[in-house]
Amino acid sequence: MAPATTTTDAFTAIADPRRRQLLDLLAAGELPVAELVRRLGLAQPAVSKHLKVLRDVGLVDTREDGRQRLYRVNGTPLRRVHAWVGAFERTWSDRFERLDTVLTNLQNEEGTSDAGHH
């Protein structure tokens, strides 16, 4: 069995696809564990384990409602992730714009050379 990885920040917490699914479900609003288990189709201990990781890094908050514990997203820790991804988005947007320009120029050149052959 592989050693357990230590999850200490939002980056490592969201690296797991199940935890991203949990965040997606909770983005719409608070849900109890039983509903998360039902929607994910996972065993309750697995969902609880993932929720603990998300709670430990601050990505989810809980509140007691009678006998239920409701979970909700806390987006604050995602700001660092958003900023980091944003830098890549700007870089790739610039590259795609340059590629669009090159492709448009090639299409224009092709259209001009085709017109001369007719």
PDB file of N, CA and C in Angstrom:
ATOM      1  N   MET A   1       0.849  -1.188   0.000  1.00  0.00           N
ATOM      2  CA  MET A   1       0.000   0.000   0.000  1.00  0.00           C
ATOM      3  C   MET A   1       0.886   1.240   0.000  1.00  0.00           C
ATOM      4  N   ALA A   2       0.552   2.193  -0.834  1.00  0.00           N
ATOM      5  CA  ALA A   2       1.345   3.425  -0.929  1.00  0.00           C
ATOM      6  C   ALA A   2       1.144   4.272   0.323  1.00  0.00           C
ATOM      7  N   PRO A   3       2.183   4.988   0.723  1.00  0.00           N
ATOM      8  CA  PRO A   3       2.023   5.866   1.893  1.00  0.00           C
ATOM      9  C   PRO A   3       1.035   6.984   1.575  1.00  0.00           C
ATOM     10  N   ALA A   4       0.338   7.407   2.599  1.00  0.00           N
ATOM     11  CA  ALA A   4      -0.629   8.492   2.434  1.00  0.00           C
ATOM     12  C   ALA A   4       0.102   9.783   2.108  1.00  0.00           C
ATOM     13  N   THR A   5      -0.439  10.527   1.172  1.00  0.00           N
ATOM     14  CA  THR A   5       0.172  11.809   0.845  1.00  0.00           C
ATOM     15  C   THR A   5      -0.375  12.868   1.793  1.00  0.00           C
ATOM     16  N   THR A   6       0.456  13.822   2.092  1.00  0.00           N
ATOM     17  CA  THR A   6       0.040  14.917   2.956  1.00  0.00           C
ATOM     18  C   THR A   6      -0.498  16.034   2.090  1.00  0.00           C
ATOM     19  N   THR A   7      -1.703  16.439   2.371  1.00  0.00           N
ATOM     20  CA  THR A   7      -2.325  17.516   1.613  1.00  0.00           C
ATOM     21  C   THR A   7      -2.349  18.741   2.503  1.00  0.00           C
ATOM     22  N   THR A   8      -1.567  19.752   2.091  1.00  0.00           N
ATOM     23  CA  THR A   8      -1.426  20.917   2.956  1.00  0.00           C
ATOM     24  C   THR A   8      -1.952  22.201   2.339  1.00  0.00           C
ATOM     25  N   ASP A   9      -2.324  22.164   1.048  1.00  0.00           N
ATOM     26  CA  ASP A   9      -2.822  23.387   0.431  1.00  0.00           C
ATOM     27  C   ASP A   9      -3.865  23.054  -0.632  1.00  0.00           C
ATOM     28  N   ALA A  10      -4.474  24.088  -1.164  1.00  0.00           N
ATOM     29  CA  ALA A  10      -5.546  23.916  -2.141  1.00  0.00           C
ATOM     30  C   ALA A  10      -5.050  23.217  -3.400  1.00  0.00           C
ATOM     31  N   PHE A  11      -3.812  23.480  -3.808  1.00  0.00           N
ATOM     32  CA  PHE A  11      -3.276  22.861  -5.021  1.00  0.00           C
ATOM     33  C   PHE A  11      -3.291  21.339  -4.921  1.00  0.00           C
ATOM     34  N   THR A  12      -2.762  20.815  -3.831  1.00  0.00           N
ATOM     35  CA  THR A  12      -2.716  19.360  -3.686  1.00  0.00           C
ATOM     36  C   THR A  12      -4.100  18.788  -3.402  1.00  0.00           C
ATOM     37  N   ALA A  13      -4.930  19.536  -2.711  1.00  0.00           N
ATOM     38  CA  ALA A  13      -6.284  19.049  -2.417  1.00  0.00           C
ATOM     39  C   ALA A  13      -7.103  18.874  -3.687  1.00  0.00           C
ATOM     40  N   ILE A  14      -7.008  19.819  -4.606  1.00  0.00           N
ATOM     41  CA  ILE A  14      -7.824  19.728  -5.820  1.00  0.00           C
ATOM     42  C   ILE A  14      -7.174  18.854  -6.898  1.00  0.00           C
ATOM     43  N   ALA A  15      -5.993  18.324  -6.617  1.00  0.00           N
ATOM     44  CA  ALA A  15      -5.362  17.412  -7.571  1.00  0.00           C
ATOM     45  C   ALA A  15      -6.164  16.116  -7.696  1.00  0.00           C
ATOM     46  N   ASP A  16      -6.922  15.783  -6.690  1.00  0.00           N
ATOM     47  CA  ASP A  16      -7.717  14.559  -6.704  1.00  0.00           C
ATOM     48  C   ASP A  16      -9.067  14.807  -7.389  1.00  0.00           C
ATOM     49  N   PRO A  17      -9.408  14.001  -8.396  1.00  0.00           N
ATOM     50  CA  PRO A  17     -10.657  14.234  -9.132  1.00  0.00           C
ATOM     51  C   PRO A  17     -11.919  14.095  -8.274  1.00  0.00           C
ATOM     52  N   ARG A  18     -11.894  13.226  -7.276  1.00  0.00           N
ATOM     53  CA  ARG A  18     -13.076  13.081  -6.399  1.00  0.00           C
ATOM     54  C   ARG A  18     -13.295  14.342  -5.572  1.00  0.00           C
ATOM     55  N   ARG A  19     -12.216  14.946  -5.134  1.00  0.00           N
ATOM     56  CA  ARG A  19     -12.365  16.185  -4.353  1.00  0.00           C
ATOM     57  C   ARG A  19     -12.866  17.311  -5.243  1.00  0.00           C
ATOM     58  N   ARG A  20     -12.429  17.327  -6.504  1.00  0.00           N
ATOM     59  CA  ARG A  20     -12.971  18.333  -7.434  1.00  0.00           C
ATOM     60  C   ARG A  20     -14.461  18.092  -7.655  1.00  0.00           C
ATOM     61  N   GLN A  21     -14.878  16.833  -7.735  1.00  0.00           N
ATOM     62  CA  GLN A  21     -16.306  16.530  -7.874  1.00  0.00           C
ATOM     63  C   GLN A  21     -17.084  17.027  -6.660  1.00  0.00           C
ATOM     64  N   LEU A  22     -16.529  16.820  -5.484  1.00  0.00           N
ATOM     65  CA  LEU A  22     -17.182  17.312  -4.267  1.00  0.00           C
ATOM     66  C   LEU A  22     -17.339  18.825  -4.312  1.00  0.00           C
ATOM     67  N   LEU A  23     -16.286  19.522  -4.705  1.00  0.00           N
ATOM     68  CA  LEU A  23     -16.363  20.983  -4.796  1.00  0.00           C
ATOM     69  C   LEU A  23     -17.402  21.411  -5.829  1.00  0.00           C
ATOM     70  N   ASP A  24     -17.474  20.693  -6.957  1.00  0.00           N
ATOM     71  CA  ASP A  24     -18.489  21.001  -7.966  1.00  0.00           C
ATOM     72  C   ASP A  24     -19.892  20.875  -7.385  1.00  0.00           C
ATOM     73  N   LEU A  25     -20.134  19.792  -6.648  1.00  0.00           N
ATOM     74  CA  LEU A  25     -21.451  19.592  -6.046  1.00  0.00           C
ATOM     75  C   LEU A  25     -21.766  20.670  -5.007  1.00  0.00           C
ATOM     76  N   LEU A  26     -20.767  21.012  -4.218  1.00  0.00           N
ATOM     77  CA  LEU A  26     -20.981  22.001  -3.152  1.00  0.00           C
ATOM     78  C   LEU A  26     -21.039  23.431  -3.676  1.00  0.00           C
ATOM     79  N   ALA A  27     -20.585  23.657  -4.888  1.00  0.00           N
ATOM     80  CA  ALA A  27     -20.626  25.008  -5.463  1.00  0.00           C
ATOM     81  C   ALA A  27     -22.065  25.504  -5.585  1.00  0.00           C
ATOM     82  N   ALA A  28     -23.011  24.583  -5.726  1.00  0.00           N
ATOM     83  CA  ALA A  28     -24.418  24.962  -5.856  1.00  0.00           C
ATOM     84  C   ALA A  28     -25.064  25.261  -4.510  1.00  0.00           C
ATOM     85  N   GLY A  29     -24.425  24.889  -3.425  1.00  0.00           N
ATOM     86  CA  GLY A  29     -24.977  25.157  -2.104  1.00  0.00           C
ATOM     87  C   GLY A  29     -24.632  24.056  -1.111  1.00  0.00           C
ATOM     88  N   GLU A  30     -25.047  24.272   0.096  1.00  0.00           N
ATOM     89  CA  GLU A  30     -24.747  23.331   1.179  1.00  0.00           C
ATOM     90  C   GLU A  30     -25.404  21.972   0.938  1.00  0.00           C
ATOM     91  N   LEU A  31     -24.668  20.937   1.348  1.00  0.00           N
ATOM     92  CA  LEU A  31     -25.202  19.579   1.267  1.00  0.00           C
ATOM     93  C   LEU A  31     -24.696  18.763   2.448  1.00  0.00           C
ATOM     94  N   PRO A  32     -25.517  17.827   2.925  1.00  0.00           N
ATOM     95  CA  PRO A  32     -25.051  16.909   3.970  1.00  0.00           C
ATOM     96  C   PRO A  32     -24.261  15.757   3.344  1.00  0.00           C
ATOM     97  N   VAL A  33     -23.500  15.057   4.173  1.00  0.00           N
ATOM     98  CA  VAL A  33     -22.677  13.948   3.703  1.00  0.00           C
ATOM     99  C   VAL A  33     -23.527  12.907   2.977  1.00  0.00           C
ATOM    100  N   ALA A  34     -24.697  12.568   3.525  1.00  0.00           N
ATOM    101  CA  ALA A  34     -25.540  11.532   2.915  1.00  0.00           C
ATOM    102  C   ALA A  34     -25.896  11.882   1.471  1.00  0.00           C
ATOM    103  N   GLU A  35     -26.157  13.143   1.197  1.00  0.00           N
ATOM    104  CA  GLU A  35     -26.496  13.565  -0.163  1.00  0.00           C
ATOM    105  C   GLU A  35     -25.264  13.514  -1.067  1.00  0.00           C
ATOM    106  N   LEU A  36     -24.119  13.884  -0.529  1.00  0.00           N
ATOM    107  CA  LEU A  36     -22.876  13.800  -1.308  1.00  0.00           C
ATOM    108  C   LEU A  36     -22.558  12.341  -1.653  1.00  0.00           C
ATOM    109  N   VAL A  37     -22.763  11.448  -0.696  1.00  0.00           N
ATOM    110  CA  VAL A  37     -22.561  10.014  -0.918  1.00  0.00           C
ATOM    111  C   VAL A  37     -23.482   9.526  -2.027  1.00  0.00           C
ATOM    112  N   ARG A  38     -24.747   9.924  -1.967  1.00  0.00           N
ATOM    113  CA  ARG A  38     -25.727   9.501  -2.963  1.00  0.00           C
ATOM    114  C   ARG A  38     -25.341   9.995  -4.363  1.00  0.00           C
ATOM    115  N   ARG A  39     -24.989  11.273  -4.450  1.00  0.00           N
ATOM    116  CA  ARG A  39     -24.680  11.855  -5.764  1.00  0.00           C
ATOM    117  C   ARG A  39     -23.381  11.327  -6.366  1.00  0.00           C
ATOM    118  N   LEU A  40     -22.403  11.044  -5.524  1.00  0.00           N
ATOM    119  CA  LEU A  40     -21.118  10.551  -6.025  1.00  0.00           C
ATOM    120  C   LEU A  40     -21.097   9.040  -6.227  1.00  0.00           C
ATOM    121  N   GLY A  41     -21.967   8.345  -5.515  1.00  0.00           N
ATOM    122  CA  GLY A  41     -21.966   6.895  -5.603  1.00  0.00           C
ATOM    123  C   GLY A  41     -20.755   6.261  -4.943  1.00  0.00           C
ATOM    124  N   LEU A  42     -20.208   6.939  -3.957  1.00  0.00           N
ATOM    125  CA  LEU A  42     -19.063   6.425  -3.205  1.00  0.00           C
ATOM    126  C   LEU A  42     -19.521   6.000  -1.820  1.00  0.00           C
ATOM    127  N   ALA A  43     -18.684   5.206  -1.159  1.00  0.00           N
ATOM    128  CA  ALA A  43     -18.960   4.826   0.226  1.00  0.00           C
ATOM    129  C   ALA A  43     -18.809   6.048   1.130  1.00  0.00           C
ATOM    130  N   GLN A  44     -19.591   6.077   2.187  1.00  0.00           N
ATOM    131  CA  GLN A  44     -19.563   7.208   3.117  1.00  0.00           C
ATOM    132  C   GLN A  44     -18.179   7.454   3.699  1.00  0.00           C
ATOM    133  N   PRO A  45     -17.410   6.417   4.088  1.00  0.00           N
ATOM    134  CA  PRO A  45     -16.067   6.695   4.623  1.00  0.00           C
ATOM    135  C   PRO A  45     -15.149   7.386   3.608  1.00  0.00           C
ATOM    136  N   ALA A  46     -15.282   7.031   2.339  1.00  0.00           N
ATOM    137  CA  ALA A  46     -14.445   7.668   1.311  1.00  0.00           C
ATOM    138  C   ALA A  46     -14.810   9.139   1.157  1.00  0.00           C
ATOM    139  N   VAL A  47     -16.103   9.428   1.145  1.00  0.00           N
ATOM    140  CA  VAL A  47     -16.556  10.822   1.026  1.00  0.00           C
ATOM    141  C   VAL A  47     -16.088  11.613   2.245  1.00  0.00           C
ATOM    142  N   SER A  48     -16.237  11.034   3.411  1.00  0.00           N
ATOM    143  CA  SER A  48     -15.805  11.718   4.639  1.00  0.00           C
ATOM    144  C   SER A  48     -14.307  11.998   4.626  1.00  0.00           C
ATOM    145  N   LYS A  49     -13.524  11.051   4.123  1.00  0.00           N
ATOM    146  CA  LYS A  49     -12.066  11.241   4.031  1.00  0.00           C
ATOM    147  C   LYS A  49     -11.735  12.425   3.124  1.00  0.00           C
ATOM    148  N   HIS A  50     -12.390  12.483   1.957  1.00  0.00           N
ATOM    149  CA  HIS A  50     -12.148  13.593   1.034  1.00  0.00           C
ATOM    150  C   HIS A  50     -12.609  14.921   1.629  1.00  0.00           C
ATOM    151  N   LEU A  51     -13.741  14.903   2.308  1.00  0.00           N
ATOM    152  CA  LEU A  51     -14.241  16.131   2.947  1.00  0.00           C
ATOM    153  C   LEU A  51     -13.274  16.618   4.026  1.00  0.00           C
ATOM    154  N   LYS A  52     -12.669  15.675   4.750  1.00  0.00           N
ATOM    155  CA  LYS A  52     -11.704  16.059   5.784  1.00  0.00           C
ATOM    156  C   LYS A  52     -10.510  16.775   5.156  1.00  0.00           C
ATOM    157  N   VAL A  53     -10.016  16.251   4.037  1.00  0.00           N
ATOM    158  CA  VAL A  53      -8.889  16.898   3.348  1.00  0.00           C
ATOM    159  C   VAL A  53      -9.298  18.310   2.926  1.00  0.00           C
ATOM    160  N   LEU A  54     -10.470  18.429   2.320  1.00  0.00           N
ATOM    161  CA  LEU A  54     -10.941  19.750   1.877  1.00  0.00           C
ATOM    162  C   LEU A  54     -11.133  20.699   3.061  1.00  0.00           C
ATOM    163  N   ARG A  55     -11.622  20.178   4.152  1.00  0.00           N
ATOM    164  CA  ARG A  55     -11.816  20.990   5.370  1.00  0.00           C
ATOM    165  C   ARG A  55     -10.469  21.417   5.943  1.00  0.00           C
ATOM    166  N   ASP A  56      -9.506  20.485   5.974  1.00  0.00           N
ATOM    167  CA  ASP A  56      -8.190  20.779   6.555  1.00  0.00           C
ATOM    168  C   ASP A  56      -7.469  21.905   5.824  1.00  0.00           C
ATOM    169  N   VAL A  57      -7.674  22.029   4.518  1.00  0.00           N
ATOM    170  CA  VAL A  57      -7.016  23.105   3.768  1.00  0.00           C
ATOM    171  C   VAL A  57      -7.915  24.328   3.614  1.00  0.00           C
ATOM    172  N   GLY A  58      -9.113  24.263   4.206  1.00  0.00           N
ATOM    173  CA  GLY A  58      -9.997  25.425   4.222  1.00  0.00           C
ATOM    174  C   GLY A  58     -10.897  25.571   3.004  1.00  0.00           C
ATOM    175  N   LEU A  59     -10.961  24.555   2.138  1.00  0.00           N
ATOM    176  CA  LEU A  59     -11.795  24.665   0.941  1.00  0.00           C
ATOM    177  C   LEU A  59     -13.278  24.426   1.205  1.00  0.00           C
ATOM    178  N   VAL A  60     -13.589  23.758   2.306  1.00  0.00           N
ATOM    179  CA  VAL A  60     -14.991  23.607   2.699  1.00  0.00           C
ATOM    180  C   VAL A  60     -15.148  23.976   4.165  1.00  0.00           C
ATOM    181  N   ASP A  61     -16.299  24.511   4.452  1.00  0.00           N
ATOM    182  CA  ASP A  61     -16.691  24.822   5.824  1.00  0.00           C
ATOM    183  C   ASP A  61     -17.869  23.932   6.168  1.00  0.00           C
ATOM    184  N   THR A  62     -18.101  23.785   7.457  1.00  0.00           N
ATOM    185  CA  THR A  62     -19.253  23.004   7.903  1.00  0.00           C
ATOM    186  C   THR A  62     -20.071  23.823   8.882  1.00  0.00           C
ATOM    187  N   ARG A  63     -21.330  23.441   8.962  1.00  0.00           N
ATOM    188  CA  ARG A  63     -22.166  23.997  10.022  1.00  0.00           C
ATOM    189  C   ARG A  63     -23.141  22.919  10.447  1.00  0.00           C
ATOM    190  N   GLU A  64     -23.449  22.937  11.712  1.00  0.00           N
ATOM    191  CA  GLU A  64     -24.382  21.959  12.266  1.00  0.00           C
ATOM    192  C   GLU A  64     -25.804  22.461  12.050  1.00  0.00           C
ATOM    193  N   ASP A  65     -26.666  21.555  11.617  1.00  0.00           N
ATOM    194  CA  ASP A  65     -28.082  21.854  11.450  1.00  0.00           C
ATOM    195  C   ASP A  65     -28.839  20.685  12.060  1.00  0.00           C
ATOM    196  N   GLY A  66     -29.159  20.828  13.336  1.00  0.00           N
ATOM    197  CA  GLY A  66     -29.760  19.709  14.051  1.00  0.00           C
ATOM    198  C   GLY A  66     -28.747  18.586  14.163  1.00  0.00           C
ATOM    199  N   ARG A  67     -29.113  17.415  13.652  1.00  0.00           N
ATOM    200  CA  ARG A  67     -28.221  16.268  13.719  1.00  0.00           C
ATOM    201  C   ARG A  67     -27.349  16.137  12.471  1.00  0.00           C
ATOM    202  N   GLN A  68     -27.538  17.025  11.532  1.00  0.00           N
ATOM    203  CA  GLN A  68     -26.770  16.968  10.290  1.00  0.00           C
ATOM    204  C   GLN A  68     -25.626  17.968  10.297  1.00  0.00           C
ATOM    205  N   ARG A  69     -24.570  17.588   9.615  1.00  0.00           N
ATOM    206  CA  ARG A  69     -23.473  18.517   9.356  1.00  0.00           C
ATOM    207  C   ARG A  69     -23.555  18.862   7.869  1.00  0.00           C
ATOM    208  N   LEU A  70     -23.704  20.152   7.592  1.00  0.00           N
ATOM    209  CA  LEU A  70     -23.793  20.612   6.210  1.00  0.00           C
ATOM    210  C   LEU A  70     -22.446  21.164   5.770  1.00  0.00           C
ATOM    211  N   TYR A  71     -22.080  20.830   4.543  1.00  0.00           N
ATOM    212  CA  TYR A  71     -20.811  21.273   3.968  1.00  0.00           C
ATOM    213  C   TYR A  71     -21.068  22.318   2.899  1.00  0.00           C
ATOM    214  N   ARG A  72     -20.156  23.287   2.807  1.00  0.00           N
ATOM    215  CA  ARG A  72     -20.252  24.329   1.779  1.00  0.00           C
ATOM    216  C   ARG A  72     -18.845  24.743   1.371  1.00  0.00           C
ATOM    217  N   VAL A  73     -18.741  25.272   0.161  1.00  0.00           N
ATOM    218  CA  VAL A  73     -17.440  25.684  -0.373  1.00  0.00           C
ATOM    219  C   VAL A  73     -16.990  26.992   0.271  1.00  0.00           C
ATOM    220  N   ASN A  74     -15.715  27.075   0.543  1.00  0.00           N
ATOM    221  CA  ASN A  74     -15.062  28.322   0.925  1.00  0.00           C
ATOM    222  C   ASN A  74     -14.036  28.591  -0.173  1.00  0.00           C
ATOM    223  N   GLY A  75     -14.319  29.521  -1.049  1.00  0.00           N
ATOM    224  CA  GLY A  75     -13.478  29.762  -2.208  1.00  0.00           C
ATOM    225  C   GLY A  75     -12.192  30.522  -1.950  1.00  0.00           C
ATOM    226  N   THR A  76     -12.023  31.067  -0.772  1.00  0.00           N
ATOM    227  CA  THR A  76     -10.839  31.882  -0.489  1.00  0.00           C
ATOM    228  C   THR A  76      -9.522  31.168  -0.807  1.00  0.00           C
ATOM    229  N   PRO A  77      -9.337  29.902  -0.393  1.00  0.00           N
ATOM    230  CA  PRO A  77      -8.069  29.237  -0.718  1.00  0.00           C
ATOM    231  C   PRO A  77      -7.852  29.020  -2.218  1.00  0.00           C
ATOM    232  N   LEU A  78      -8.913  29.110  -3.011  1.00  0.00           N
ATOM    233  CA  LEU A  78      -8.777  28.923  -4.454  1.00  0.00           C
ATOM    234  C   LEU A  78      -8.210  30.158  -5.159  1.00  0.00           C
ATOM    235  N   ARG A  79      -8.108  31.267  -4.449  1.00  0.00           N
ATOM    236  CA  ARG A  79      -7.573  32.494  -5.071  1.00  0.00           C
ATOM    237  C   ARG A  79      -6.165  32.291  -5.601  1.00  0.00           C
ATOM    238  N   ARG A  80      -5.328  31.585  -4.829  1.00  0.00           N
ATOM    239  CA  ARG A  80      -3.951  31.317  -5.283  1.00  0.00           C
ATOM    240  C   ARG A  80      -3.958  30.447  -6.531  1.00  0.00           C
ATOM    241  N   VAL A  81      -4.842  29.446  -6.563  1.00  0.00           N
ATOM    242  CA  VAL A  81      -4.950  28.571  -7.730  1.00  0.00           C
ATOM    243  C   VAL A  81      -5.409  29.386  -8.934  1.00  0.00           C
ATOM    244  N   HIS A  82      -6.401  30.225  -8.729  1.00  0.00           N
ATOM    245  CA  HIS A  82      -6.941  31.059  -9.806  1.00  0.00           C
ATOM    246  C   HIS A  82      -5.858  31.994 -10.364  1.00  0.00           C
ATOM    247  N   ALA A  83      -5.112  32.610  -9.489  1.00  0.00           N
ATOM    248  CA  ALA A  83      -4.055  33.526  -9.927  1.00  0.00           C
ATOM    249  C   ALA A  83      -2.987  32.774 -10.723  1.00  0.00           C
ATOM    250  N   TRP A  84      -2.626  31.590 -10.265  1.00  0.00           N
ATOM    251  CA  TRP A  84      -1.603  30.805 -10.945  1.00  0.00           C
ATOM    252  C   TRP A  84      -2.092  30.371 -12.328  1.00  0.00           C
ATOM    253  N   VAL A  85      -3.313  29.879 -12.399  1.00  0.00           N
ATOM    254  CA  VAL A  85      -3.883  29.456 -13.680  1.00  0.00           C
ATOM    255  C   VAL A  85      -4.078  30.659 -14.597  1.00  0.00           C
ATOM    256  N   GLY A  86      -4.429  31.803 -14.021  1.00  0.00           N
ATOM    257  CA  GLY A  86      -4.635  33.016 -14.808  1.00  0.00           C
ATOM    258  C   GLY A  86      -3.403  33.423 -15.589  1.00  0.00           C
ATOM    259  N   ALA A  87      -2.227  33.228 -15.011  1.00  0.00           N
ATOM    260  CA  ALA A  87      -0.990  33.560 -15.720  1.00  0.00           C
ATOM    261  C   ALA A  87      -0.845  32.686 -16.968  1.00  0.00           C
ATOM    262  N   PHE A  88      -1.191  31.425 -16.862  1.00  0.00           N
ATOM    263  CA  PHE A  88      -1.141  30.534 -18.015  1.00  0.00           C
ATOM    264  C   PHE A  88      -2.198  30.907 -19.046  1.00  0.00           C
ATOM    265  N   GLU A  89      -3.350  31.292 -18.567  1.00  0.00           N
ATOM    266  CA  GLU A  89      -4.428  31.672 -19.484  1.00  0.00           C
ATOM    267  C   GLU A  89      -4.002  32.858 -20.348  1.00  0.00           C
ATOM    268  N   ARG A  90      -3.389  33.856 -19.726  1.00  0.00           N
ATOM    269  CA  ARG A  90      -2.924  35.025 -20.496  1.00  0.00           C
ATOM    270  C   ARG A  90      -1.888  34.611 -21.535  1.00  0.00           C
ATOM    271  N   THR A  91      -0.942  33.771 -21.131  1.00  0.00           N
ATOM    272  CA  THR A  91       0.093  33.314 -22.050  1.00  0.00           C
ATOM    273  C   THR A  91      -0.518  32.555 -23.218  1.00  0.00           C
ATOM    274  N   TRP A  92      -1.416  31.619 -22.929  1.00  0.00           N
ATOM    275  CA  TRP A  92      -2.016  30.816 -23.994  1.00  0.00           C
ATOM    276  C   TRP A  92      -2.954  31.642 -24.853  1.00  0.00           C
ATOM    277  N   SER A  93      -3.660  32.594 -24.275  1.00  0.00           N
ATOM    278  CA  SER A  93      -4.519  33.464 -25.080  1.00  0.00           C
ATOM    279  C   SER A  93      -3.694  34.241 -26.085  1.00  0.00           C
ATOM    280  N   ASP A  94      -2.563  34.775 -25.639  1.00  0.00           N
ATOM    281  CA  ASP A  94      -1.660  35.502 -26.550  1.00  0.00           C
ATOM    282  C   ASP A  94      -1.167  34.585 -27.663  1.00  0.00           C
ATOM    283  N   ARG A  95      -0.798  33.376 -27.323  1.00  0.00           N
ATOM    284  CA  ARG A  95      -0.299  32.428 -28.331  1.00  0.00           C
ATOM    285  C   ARG A  95      -1.394  32.053 -29.324  1.00  0.00           C
ATOM    286  N   PHE A  96      -2.596  31.839 -28.839  1.00  0.00           N
ATOM    287  CA  PHE A  96      -3.696  31.494 -29.735  1.00  0.00           C
ATOM    288  C   PHE A  96      -4.042  32.659 -30.659  1.00  0.00           C
ATOM    289  N   GLU A  97      -3.963  33.884 -30.135  1.00  0.00           N
ATOM    290  CA  GLU A  97      -4.214  35.050 -30.992  1.00  0.00           C
ATOM    291  C   GLU A  97      -3.165  35.133 -32.099  1.00  0.00           C
ATOM    292  N   ARG A  98      -1.893  34.898 -31.749  1.00  0.00           N
ATOM    293  CA  ARG A  98      -0.836  34.909 -32.772  1.00  0.00           C
ATOM    294  C   ARG A  98      -1.049  33.794 -33.789  1.00  0.00           C
ATOM    295  N   LEU A  99      -1.461  32.616 -33.320  1.00  0.00           N
ATOM    296  CA  LEU A  99      -1.736  31.499 -34.214  1.00  0.00           C
ATOM    297  C   LEU A  99      -2.901  31.826 -35.142  1.00  0.00           C
ATOM    298  N   ASP A 100      -3.951  32.454 -34.612  1.00  0.00           N
ATOM    299  CA  ASP A 100      -5.083  32.877 -35.452  1.00  0.00           C
ATOM    300  C   ASP A 100      -4.616  33.828 -36.550  1.00  0.00           C
ATOM    301  N   THR A 101      -3.727  34.743 -36.197  1.00  0.00           N
ATOM    302  CA  THR A 101      -3.203  35.696 -37.186  1.00  0.00           C
ATOM    303  C   THR A 101      -2.429  34.961 -38.274  1.00  0.00           C
ATOM    304  N   VAL A 102      -1.581  34.027 -37.885  1.00  0.00           N
ATOM    305  CA  VAL A 102      -0.803  33.257 -38.856  1.00  0.00           C
ATOM    306  C   VAL A 102      -1.739  32.465 -39.771  1.00  0.00           C
ATOM    307  N   LEU A 103      -2.739  31.808 -39.195  1.00  0.00           N
ATOM    308  CA  LEU A 103      -3.673  31.019 -39.994  1.00  0.00           C
ATOM    309  C   LEU A 103      -4.473  31.899 -40.953  1.00  0.00           C
ATOM    310  N   THR A 104      -4.905  33.055 -40.486  1.00  0.00           N
ATOM    311  CA  THR A 104      -5.633  33.990 -41.353  1.00  0.00           C
ATOM    312  C   THR A 104      -4.747  34.437 -42.505  1.00  0.00           C
ATOM    313  N   ASN A 105      -3.491  34.768 -42.213  1.00  0.00           N
ATOM    314  CA  ASN A 105      -2.543  35.179 -43.262  1.00  0.00           C
ATOM    315  C   ASN A 105      -2.325  34.056 -44.269  1.00  0.00           C
ATOM    316  N   LEU A 106      -2.192  32.830 -43.780  1.00  0.00           N
ATOM    317  CA  LEU A 106      -2.001  31.692 -44.685  1.00  0.00           C
ATOM    318  C   LEU A 106      -3.229  31.472 -45.566  1.00  0.00           C
ATOM    319  N   GLN A 107      -4.416  31.603 -44.964  1.00  0.00           N
ATOM    320  CA  GLN A 107      -5.644  31.445 -45.737  1.00  0.00           C
ATOM    321  C   GLN A 107      -5.752  32.539 -46.790  1.00  0.00           C
ATOM    322  N   ASN A 108      -5.390  33.756 -46.429  1.00  0.00           N
ATOM    323  CA  ASN A 108      -5.434  34.868 -47.381  1.00  0.00           C
ATOM    324  C   ASN A 108      -4.443  34.640 -48.522  1.00  0.00           C
ATOM    325  N   GLU A 109      -3.241  34.181 -48.181  1.00  0.00           N
ATOM    326  CA  GLU A 109      -2.244  33.898 -49.215  1.00  0.00           C
ATOM    327  C   GLU A 109      -2.710  32.775 -50.125  1.00  0.00           C
ATOM    328  N   GLU A 110      -3.312  31.749 -49.549  1.00  0.00           N
ATOM    329  CA  GLU A 110      -3.813  30.621 -50.322  1.00  0.00           C
ATOM    330  C   GLU A 110      -4.942  31.069 -51.239  1.00  0.00           C
ATOM    331  N   GLY A 111      -5.811  31.908 -50.707  1.00  0.00           N
ATOM    332  CA  GLY A 111      -6.918  32.429 -51.503  1.00  0.00           C
ATOM    333  C   GLY A 111      -6.424  33.277 -52.643  1.00  0.00           C
ATOM    334  N   THR A 112      -5.379  34.067 -52.427  1.00  0.00           N
ATOM    335  CA  THR A 112      -4.809  34.932 -53.465  1.00  0.00           C
ATOM    336  C   THR A 112      -4.142  34.088 -54.543  1.00  0.00           C
ATOM    337  N   SER A 113      -3.398  33.059 -54.144  1.00  0.00           N
ATOM    338  CA  SER A 113      -2.710  32.225 -55.136  1.00  0.00           C
ATOM    339  C   SER A 113      -3.708  31.379 -55.911  1.00  0.00           C
ATOM    340  N   ASP A 114      -4.798  30.938 -55.298  1.00  0.00           N
ATOM    341  CA  ASP A 114      -5.837  30.174 -55.995  1.00  0.00           C
ATOM    342  C   ASP A 114      -6.551  31.046 -57.011  1.00  0.00           C
ATOM    343  N   ALA A 115      -6.776  32.312 -56.654  1.00  0.00           N
ATOM    344  CA  ALA A 115      -7.479  33.232 -57.544  1.00  0.00           C
ATOM    345  C   ALA A 115      -6.657  33.490 -58.809  1.00  0.00           C
ATOM    346  N   GLY A 116      -5.352  33.479 -58.697  1.00  0.00           N
ATOM    347  CA  GLY A 116      -4.485  33.754 -59.849  1.00  0.00           C
ATOM    348  C   GLY A 116      -4.418  32.588 -60.816  1.00  0.00           C
ATOM    349  N   HIS A 117      -4.814  31.390 -60.375  1.00  0.00           N
ATOM    350  CA  HIS A 117      -4.747  30.218 -61.238  1.00  0.00           C
ATOM    351  C   HIS A 117      -6.025  29.969 -61.998  1.00  0.00           C
ATOM    352  N   HIS A 118      -7.061  30.734 -61.763  1.00  0.00           N
ATOM    353  CA  HIS A 118      -8.357  30.493 -62.445  1.00  0.00           C
ATOM    354  C   HIS A 118      -8.504  31.311 -63.652  1.00  0.00           C
TER     355      HIS A 118
END
